[in-house]
Amino acid sequence: MQLYQKEIVLRPYSRGFHLITSIIRDEFPEIERIQMGFLQVFIKHTSASLTINENADPTVRQDFESHLNVMIPENASYYKHIYEGSDDMPAHIKASVMGSSVQIPITRGLLNMGIWQGIYLCEHRNHASSRSIVISCMGV
């Protein structure tokens, strides 16, 4: 069994959904050493999230952002956690709804994802700083 782990810092992204699959592959070449196993990506923040979805058409990412903003609006009168701006509490809720990690099978040194799948960084803040993710893989 082989185990690898690395923490990387992503540059600041604008609010929205951003493909980071190639960054993970480039920053974590140890994936290629695994013939059969799993990759886990975990984000160390409470106002951004990760998910896997469509990697070809950018309008999918725009629709995710639009839909979440309708589902989880800013400036709701019942929010109590408002000290860091109108986007803060909605960002926390969106991060919990979307999730803080994704897991992908590794097969013959490659991420075993569907042809149209990609890993998204879901940035929920208007003016976010860099984001740290922990990438772990294990397998044989």
N, C-alpha and C. Protein backbone atom coordinates (compact mmCIF):
# COMPACT_ATOMS: atom_id res chain seq x y z
N MET A 1 0.85 -1.19 0.00
CA MET A 1 0.00 0.00 0.00
C MET A 1 0.89 1.24 0.00
N GLN A 2 0.57 2.16 -0.88
CA GLN A 2 1.27 3.44 -0.94
C GLN A 2 0.34 4.55 -0.46
N LEU A 3 0.89 5.48 0.29
CA LEU A 3 0.13 6.62 0.80
C LEU A 3 0.91 7.90 0.48
N TYR A 4 0.21 8.87 -0.05
CA TYR A 4 0.81 10.17 -0.35
C TYR A 4 -0.15 11.26 0.10
N GLN A 5 0.41 12.37 0.55
CA GLN A 5 -0.42 13.49 0.94
C GLN A 5 0.35 14.78 0.73
N LYS A 6 -0.38 15.79 0.29
CA LYS A 6 0.24 17.09 0.03
C LYS A 6 -0.81 18.17 0.23
N GLU A 7 -0.39 19.28 0.81
CA GLU A 7 -1.27 20.45 0.91
C GLU A 7 -0.81 21.47 -0.10
N ILE A 8 -1.74 21.99 -0.87
CA ILE A 8 -1.40 23.03 -1.84
C ILE A 8 -2.29 24.24 -1.59
N VAL A 9 -1.77 25.38 -1.97
CA VAL A 9 -2.51 26.63 -1.82
C VAL A 9 -2.92 27.08 -3.22
N LEU A 10 -4.22 27.23 -3.40
CA LEU A 10 -4.76 27.72 -4.66
C LEU A 10 -4.75 29.24 -4.65
N ARG A 11 -4.48 29.85 -5.76
CA ARG A 11 -4.53 31.31 -5.86
C ARG A 11 -5.95 31.78 -5.56
N PRO A 12 -6.15 33.03 -5.23
CA PRO A 12 -7.51 33.53 -5.02
C PRO A 12 -8.32 33.46 -6.32
N TYR A 13 -9.53 33.00 -6.21
CA TYR A 13 -10.46 32.94 -7.35
C TYR A 13 -11.63 33.88 -7.08
N SER A 14 -12.22 34.35 -8.14
CA SER A 14 -13.43 35.14 -8.00
C SER A 14 -14.59 34.24 -7.57
N ARG A 15 -15.63 34.84 -7.11
CA ARG A 15 -16.81 34.08 -6.71
C ARG A 15 -17.31 33.29 -7.92
N GLY A 16 -17.64 32.02 -7.68
CA GLY A 16 -18.12 31.17 -8.76
C GLY A 16 -17.52 29.78 -8.66
N PHE A 17 -17.66 29.04 -9.74
CA PHE A 17 -17.25 27.65 -9.81
C PHE A 17 -16.11 27.52 -10.80
N HIS A 18 -14.98 26.95 -10.34
CA HIS A 18 -13.75 26.94 -11.12
C HIS A 18 -13.19 25.52 -11.22
N LEU A 19 -12.87 25.10 -12.43
CA LEU A 19 -12.25 23.78 -12.62
C LEU A 19 -10.82 23.79 -12.09
N ILE A 20 -10.52 22.81 -11.24
CA ILE A 20 -9.15 22.71 -10.68
C ILE A 20 -8.55 21.32 -10.93
N THR A 21 -9.18 20.52 -11.76
CA THR A 21 -8.70 19.16 -12.01
C THR A 21 -7.25 19.17 -12.49
N SER A 22 -6.92 20.01 -13.45
CA SER A 22 -5.56 20.02 -13.99
C SER A 22 -4.54 20.50 -12.95
N ILE A 23 -4.95 21.42 -12.08
CA ILE A 23 -4.05 21.88 -11.02
C ILE A 23 -3.72 20.71 -10.09
N ILE A 24 -4.73 19.94 -9.74
CA ILE A 24 -4.50 18.79 -8.85
C ILE A 24 -3.58 17.79 -9.52
N ARG A 25 -3.81 17.48 -10.79
CA ARG A 25 -2.93 16.54 -11.50
C ARG A 25 -1.50 17.06 -11.57
N ASP A 26 -1.35 18.35 -11.89
CA ASP A 26 -0.01 18.93 -12.04
C ASP A 26 0.74 19.02 -10.71
N GLU A 27 0.04 19.36 -9.64
CA GLU A 27 0.67 19.55 -8.33
C GLU A 27 0.86 18.24 -7.56
N PHE A 28 0.23 17.17 -8.04
CA PHE A 28 0.27 15.91 -7.28
C PHE A 28 0.55 14.75 -8.24
N PRO A 29 1.76 14.70 -8.82
CA PRO A 29 2.11 13.65 -9.78
C PRO A 29 2.16 12.25 -9.16
N GLU A 30 2.12 12.17 -7.84
CA GLU A 30 2.14 10.87 -7.18
C GLU A 30 0.96 9.99 -7.59
N ILE A 31 -0.10 10.61 -8.10
CA ILE A 31 -1.25 9.86 -8.60
C ILE A 31 -0.80 8.79 -9.60
N GLU A 32 0.17 9.14 -10.43
CA GLU A 32 0.65 8.24 -11.47
C GLU A 32 1.29 6.97 -10.92
N ARG A 33 1.68 6.98 -9.64
CA ARG A 33 2.31 5.81 -9.03
C ARG A 33 1.29 4.78 -8.52
N ILE A 34 0.03 5.15 -8.52
CA ILE A 34 -1.03 4.27 -8.00
C ILE A 34 -1.71 3.53 -9.15
N GLN A 35 -1.70 2.23 -9.09
CA GLN A 35 -2.38 1.43 -10.11
C GLN A 35 -3.87 1.28 -9.82
N MET A 36 -4.19 1.15 -8.54
CA MET A 36 -5.59 1.04 -8.12
C MET A 36 -5.70 1.65 -6.73
N GLY A 37 -6.57 2.65 -6.59
CA GLY A 37 -6.70 3.31 -5.30
C GLY A 37 -7.69 4.45 -5.34
N PHE A 38 -7.48 5.41 -4.44
CA PHE A 38 -8.40 6.54 -4.32
C PHE A 38 -7.64 7.83 -4.08
N LEU A 39 -8.19 8.90 -4.60
CA LEU A 39 -7.71 10.25 -4.34
C LEU A 39 -8.80 10.97 -3.57
N GLN A 40 -8.42 11.65 -2.50
CA GLN A 40 -9.36 12.50 -1.77
C GLN A 40 -8.82 13.91 -1.80
N VAL A 41 -9.71 14.86 -2.08
CA VAL A 41 -9.36 16.27 -2.05
C VAL A 41 -10.25 16.93 -1.00
N PHE A 42 -9.63 17.63 -0.06
CA PHE A 42 -10.33 18.25 1.06
C PHE A 42 -9.97 19.72 1.12
N ILE A 43 -10.97 20.58 1.26
CA ILE A 43 -10.71 22.02 1.37
C ILE A 43 -10.78 22.44 2.84
N LYS A 44 -9.80 23.25 3.27
CA LYS A 44 -9.67 23.63 4.67
C LYS A 44 -10.35 24.98 4.96
N HIS A 45 -11.55 25.14 4.44
CA HIS A 45 -12.25 26.42 4.61
C HIS A 45 -13.74 26.17 4.80
N THR A 46 -14.42 27.15 5.40
CA THR A 46 -15.85 27.01 5.66
C THR A 46 -16.71 27.89 4.78
N SER A 47 -16.11 28.60 3.84
CA SER A 47 -16.89 29.44 2.93
C SER A 47 -16.57 29.15 1.46
N ALA A 48 -15.97 28.00 1.21
CA ALA A 48 -15.73 27.50 -0.14
C ALA A 48 -15.94 25.99 -0.07
N SER A 49 -16.14 25.37 -1.21
CA SER A 49 -16.43 23.94 -1.21
C SER A 49 -15.85 23.30 -2.45
N LEU A 50 -16.06 21.99 -2.56
CA LEU A 50 -15.61 21.20 -3.71
C LEU A 50 -16.77 20.35 -4.22
N THR A 51 -16.77 20.12 -5.51
CA THR A 51 -17.73 19.19 -6.10
C THR A 51 -17.18 18.68 -7.42
N ILE A 52 -17.84 17.68 -7.96
CA ILE A 52 -17.49 17.13 -9.28
C ILE A 52 -18.70 17.31 -10.17
N ASN A 53 -18.46 17.84 -11.38
CA ASN A 53 -19.56 17.98 -12.33
C ASN A 53 -19.00 18.26 -13.72
N GLU A 54 -19.85 18.72 -14.60
CA GLU A 54 -19.57 18.99 -16.01
C GLU A 54 -18.29 19.81 -16.20
N ASN A 55 -17.39 19.33 -17.06
CA ASN A 55 -16.12 20.04 -17.24
C ASN A 55 -15.98 20.70 -18.61
N ALA A 56 -16.98 20.59 -19.47
CA ALA A 56 -16.84 21.09 -20.83
C ALA A 56 -17.51 22.44 -21.06
N ASP A 57 -18.75 22.56 -20.68
CA ASP A 57 -19.52 23.76 -20.97
C ASP A 57 -19.50 24.70 -19.77
N PRO A 58 -18.89 25.88 -19.90
CA PRO A 58 -18.80 26.80 -18.77
C PRO A 58 -20.15 27.33 -18.28
N THR A 59 -21.18 27.22 -19.09
CA THR A 59 -22.49 27.69 -18.63
C THR A 59 -23.02 26.84 -17.49
N VAL A 60 -22.55 25.59 -17.38
CA VAL A 60 -22.95 24.77 -16.23
C VAL A 60 -22.47 25.42 -14.94
N ARG A 61 -21.24 25.90 -14.93
CA ARG A 61 -20.69 26.55 -13.74
C ARG A 61 -21.43 27.86 -13.44
N GLN A 62 -21.82 28.58 -14.48
CA GLN A 62 -22.60 29.81 -14.27
C GLN A 62 -23.97 29.48 -13.69
N ASP A 63 -24.59 28.40 -14.19
CA ASP A 63 -25.91 28.01 -13.69
C ASP A 63 -25.84 27.54 -12.24
N PHE A 64 -24.76 26.86 -11.86
CA PHE A 64 -24.58 26.48 -10.46
C PHE A 64 -24.60 27.73 -9.58
N GLU A 65 -23.81 28.72 -9.95
CA GLU A 65 -23.74 29.95 -9.18
C GLU A 65 -25.10 30.63 -9.11
N SER A 66 -25.78 30.75 -10.23
CA SER A 66 -27.10 31.40 -10.25
C SER A 66 -28.10 30.67 -9.38
N HIS A 67 -28.12 29.36 -9.50
CA HIS A 67 -29.10 28.58 -8.74
C HIS A 67 -28.84 28.65 -7.23
N LEU A 68 -27.60 28.51 -6.84
CA LEU A 68 -27.29 28.59 -5.41
C LEU A 68 -27.63 29.96 -4.84
N ASN A 69 -27.45 31.01 -5.63
CA ASN A 69 -27.79 32.35 -5.15
C ASN A 69 -29.29 32.52 -4.95
N VAL A 70 -30.10 31.81 -5.72
CA VAL A 70 -31.55 31.85 -5.52
C VAL A 70 -31.92 31.00 -4.30
N MET A 71 -31.32 29.80 -4.21
CA MET A 71 -31.60 28.90 -3.09
C MET A 71 -31.16 29.47 -1.74
N ILE A 72 -29.98 30.12 -1.76
CA ILE A 72 -29.36 30.61 -0.53
C ILE A 72 -29.00 32.09 -0.76
N PRO A 73 -29.95 32.97 -0.55
CA PRO A 73 -29.75 34.38 -0.89
C PRO A 73 -28.89 35.12 0.14
N GLU A 74 -28.34 36.23 -0.29
CA GLU A 74 -27.68 37.15 0.62
C GLU A 74 -28.74 38.02 1.29
N ASN A 75 -28.34 38.64 2.39
CA ASN A 75 -29.18 39.61 3.09
C ASN A 75 -30.51 39.06 3.59
N ALA A 76 -30.60 37.78 3.88
CA ALA A 76 -31.83 37.24 4.46
C ALA A 76 -32.00 37.86 5.85
N SER A 77 -33.20 38.28 6.15
CA SER A 77 -33.45 39.00 7.40
C SER A 77 -33.20 38.15 8.65
N TYR A 78 -33.20 36.84 8.51
CA TYR A 78 -33.02 35.96 9.67
C TYR A 78 -31.56 35.61 9.95
N TYR A 79 -30.61 36.01 9.10
CA TYR A 79 -29.21 35.73 9.36
C TYR A 79 -28.73 36.52 10.58
N LYS A 80 -28.04 35.85 11.48
CA LYS A 80 -27.46 36.50 12.65
C LYS A 80 -25.94 36.70 12.47
N HIS A 81 -25.30 35.82 11.72
CA HIS A 81 -23.86 35.89 11.47
C HIS A 81 -23.63 36.81 10.27
N ILE A 82 -23.54 38.09 10.54
CA ILE A 82 -23.45 39.08 9.45
C ILE A 82 -22.22 39.99 9.58
N TYR A 83 -21.32 39.67 10.49
CA TYR A 83 -20.20 40.56 10.80
C TYR A 83 -19.17 40.67 9.69
N GLU A 84 -19.09 39.68 8.81
CA GLU A 84 -18.06 39.69 7.77
C GLU A 84 -18.63 40.00 6.39
N GLY A 85 -19.81 40.57 6.32
CA GLY A 85 -20.39 40.95 5.03
C GLY A 85 -21.59 40.11 4.66
N SER A 86 -22.33 40.62 3.70
CA SER A 86 -23.58 39.97 3.31
C SER A 86 -23.37 38.62 2.61
N ASP A 87 -22.17 38.37 2.13
CA ASP A 87 -21.92 37.08 1.46
C ASP A 87 -21.39 36.01 2.42
N ASP A 88 -21.11 36.38 3.68
CA ASP A 88 -20.45 35.44 4.59
C ASP A 88 -21.34 34.28 5.03
N MET A 89 -22.48 34.56 5.63
CA MET A 89 -23.34 33.47 6.08
C MET A 89 -23.84 32.62 4.90
N PRO A 90 -24.27 33.24 3.80
CA PRO A 90 -24.63 32.39 2.66
C PRO A 90 -23.47 31.50 2.19
N ALA A 91 -22.24 32.02 2.27
CA ALA A 91 -21.08 31.22 1.87
C ALA A 91 -20.92 30.00 2.75
N HIS A 92 -21.14 30.16 4.06
CA HIS A 92 -21.05 29.01 4.97
C HIS A 92 -22.13 27.97 4.65
N ILE A 93 -23.33 28.43 4.40
CA ILE A 93 -24.42 27.50 4.07
C ILE A 93 -24.13 26.78 2.76
N LYS A 94 -23.70 27.52 1.74
CA LYS A 94 -23.39 26.91 0.44
C LYS A 94 -22.27 25.88 0.58
N ALA A 95 -21.26 26.19 1.39
CA ALA A 95 -20.16 25.25 1.59
C ALA A 95 -20.65 23.96 2.24
N SER A 96 -21.58 24.08 3.20
CA SER A 96 -22.12 22.87 3.83
C SER A 96 -22.99 22.07 2.87
N VAL A 97 -23.75 22.77 2.05
CA VAL A 97 -24.61 22.08 1.07
C VAL A 97 -23.76 21.36 0.02
N MET A 98 -22.71 22.01 -0.47
CA MET A 98 -21.88 21.43 -1.53
C MET A 98 -20.89 20.40 -1.01
N GLY A 99 -20.31 20.64 0.16
CA GLY A 99 -19.38 19.67 0.73
C GLY A 99 -17.94 20.13 0.72
N SER A 100 -17.16 19.55 1.62
CA SER A 100 -15.77 19.96 1.78
C SER A 100 -14.76 18.99 1.17
N SER A 101 -15.23 17.88 0.59
CA SER A 101 -14.28 16.94 -0.02
C SER A 101 -14.92 16.17 -1.15
N VAL A 102 -14.05 15.66 -2.01
CA VAL A 102 -14.47 14.75 -3.07
C VAL A 102 -13.50 13.57 -3.08
N GLN A 103 -13.98 12.43 -3.51
CA GLN A 103 -13.14 11.24 -3.60
C GLN A 103 -13.29 10.67 -5.01
N ILE A 104 -12.16 10.31 -5.62
CA ILE A 104 -12.14 9.83 -7.00
C ILE A 104 -11.30 8.56 -7.06
N PRO A 105 -11.80 7.53 -7.76
CA PRO A 105 -10.98 6.34 -7.94
C PRO A 105 -9.75 6.65 -8.82
N ILE A 106 -8.68 5.96 -8.53
CA ILE A 106 -7.48 6.01 -9.38
C ILE A 106 -7.33 4.64 -10.02
N THR A 107 -7.18 4.63 -11.33
CA THR A 107 -7.01 3.38 -12.07
C THR A 107 -5.84 3.55 -13.03
N ARG A 108 -4.84 2.69 -12.90
CA ARG A 108 -3.65 2.73 -13.75
C ARG A 108 -3.02 4.13 -13.81
N GLY A 109 -2.92 4.77 -12.65
CA GLY A 109 -2.23 6.05 -12.55
C GLY A 109 -3.02 7.26 -13.02
N LEU A 110 -4.30 7.07 -13.30
CA LEU A 110 -5.15 8.17 -13.79
C LEU A 110 -6.38 8.31 -12.91
N LEU A 111 -6.89 9.54 -12.82
CA LEU A 111 -8.16 9.74 -12.15
C LEU A 111 -9.25 9.09 -13.00
N ASN A 112 -10.00 8.20 -12.41
CA ASN A 112 -11.00 7.43 -13.14
C ASN A 112 -12.33 8.18 -13.08
N MET A 113 -12.40 9.25 -13.86
CA MET A 113 -13.59 10.10 -13.91
C MET A 113 -14.23 9.97 -15.28
N GLY A 114 -15.52 10.33 -15.34
CA GLY A 114 -16.20 10.35 -16.62
C GLY A 114 -15.60 11.40 -17.54
N ILE A 115 -15.76 11.22 -18.81
CA ILE A 115 -15.16 12.12 -19.79
C ILE A 115 -15.59 13.57 -19.61
N TRP A 116 -16.78 13.80 -19.09
CA TRP A 116 -17.30 15.15 -18.93
C TRP A 116 -17.22 15.63 -17.47
N GLN A 117 -16.47 14.94 -16.63
CA GLN A 117 -16.40 15.32 -15.22
C GLN A 117 -15.12 16.08 -14.91
N GLY A 118 -15.25 17.05 -14.02
CA GLY A 118 -14.11 17.80 -13.53
C GLY A 118 -14.32 18.15 -12.06
N ILE A 119 -13.23 18.46 -11.39
CA ILE A 119 -13.28 18.86 -9.98
C ILE A 119 -13.40 20.38 -9.93
N TYR A 120 -14.40 20.86 -9.21
CA TYR A 120 -14.63 22.30 -9.07
C TYR A 120 -14.20 22.79 -7.70
N LEU A 121 -13.55 23.94 -7.68
CA LEU A 121 -13.49 24.77 -6.48
C LEU A 121 -14.72 25.66 -6.56
N CYS A 122 -15.54 25.61 -5.54
CA CYS A 122 -16.75 26.43 -5.46
C CYS A 122 -16.44 27.58 -4.52
N GLU A 123 -16.17 28.73 -5.08
CA GLU A 123 -15.83 29.90 -4.27
C GLU A 123 -17.11 30.68 -3.99
N HIS A 124 -17.45 30.80 -2.72
CA HIS A 124 -18.71 31.41 -2.34
C HIS A 124 -18.58 32.84 -1.79
N ARG A 125 -17.36 33.34 -1.68
CA ARG A 125 -17.16 34.71 -1.17
C ARG A 125 -16.89 35.66 -2.32
N ASN A 126 -17.28 36.91 -2.13
CA ASN A 126 -17.06 37.93 -3.16
C ASN A 126 -15.58 38.30 -3.29
N HIS A 127 -14.88 38.33 -2.16
CA HIS A 127 -13.46 38.73 -2.17
C HIS A 127 -12.67 37.72 -1.36
N ALA A 128 -12.51 36.55 -1.89
CA ALA A 128 -11.82 35.47 -1.17
C ALA A 128 -10.32 35.61 -1.28
N SER A 129 -9.65 35.03 -0.32
CA SER A 129 -8.20 34.94 -0.39
C SER A 129 -7.84 33.59 -0.98
N SER A 130 -6.59 33.24 -0.91
CA SER A 130 -6.17 31.93 -1.40
C SER A 130 -6.86 30.84 -0.58
N ARG A 131 -6.93 29.65 -1.15
CA ARG A 131 -7.58 28.52 -0.48
C ARG A 131 -6.61 27.35 -0.40
N SER A 132 -6.60 26.67 0.74
CA SER A 132 -5.73 25.51 0.95
C SER A 132 -6.54 24.24 0.76
N ILE A 133 -5.97 23.31 0.00
CA ILE A 133 -6.58 22.00 -0.14
C ILE A 133 -5.56 20.93 0.22
N VAL A 134 -6.05 19.87 0.82
CA VAL A 134 -5.20 18.73 1.16
C VAL A 134 -5.59 17.60 0.20
N ILE A 135 -4.57 17.10 -0.50
CA ILE A 135 -4.77 16.02 -1.46
C ILE A 135 -4.11 14.78 -0.90
N SER A 136 -4.87 13.70 -0.81
CA SER A 136 -4.35 12.45 -0.29
C SER A 136 -4.68 11.34 -1.28
N CYS A 137 -3.75 10.44 -1.49
CA CYS A 137 -4.07 9.26 -2.30
C CYS A 137 -3.46 8.03 -1.65
N MET A 138 -4.16 6.93 -1.87
CA MET A 138 -3.69 5.65 -1.35
C MET A 138 -4.06 4.58 -2.34
N GLY A 139 -3.25 3.58 -2.38
CA GLY A 139 -3.53 2.46 -3.26
C GLY A 139 -2.29 1.60 -3.47
N VAL A 140 -2.40 0.74 -4.43
CA VAL A 140 -1.31 -0.18 -4.75
C VAL A 140 -0.77 0.12 -6.14
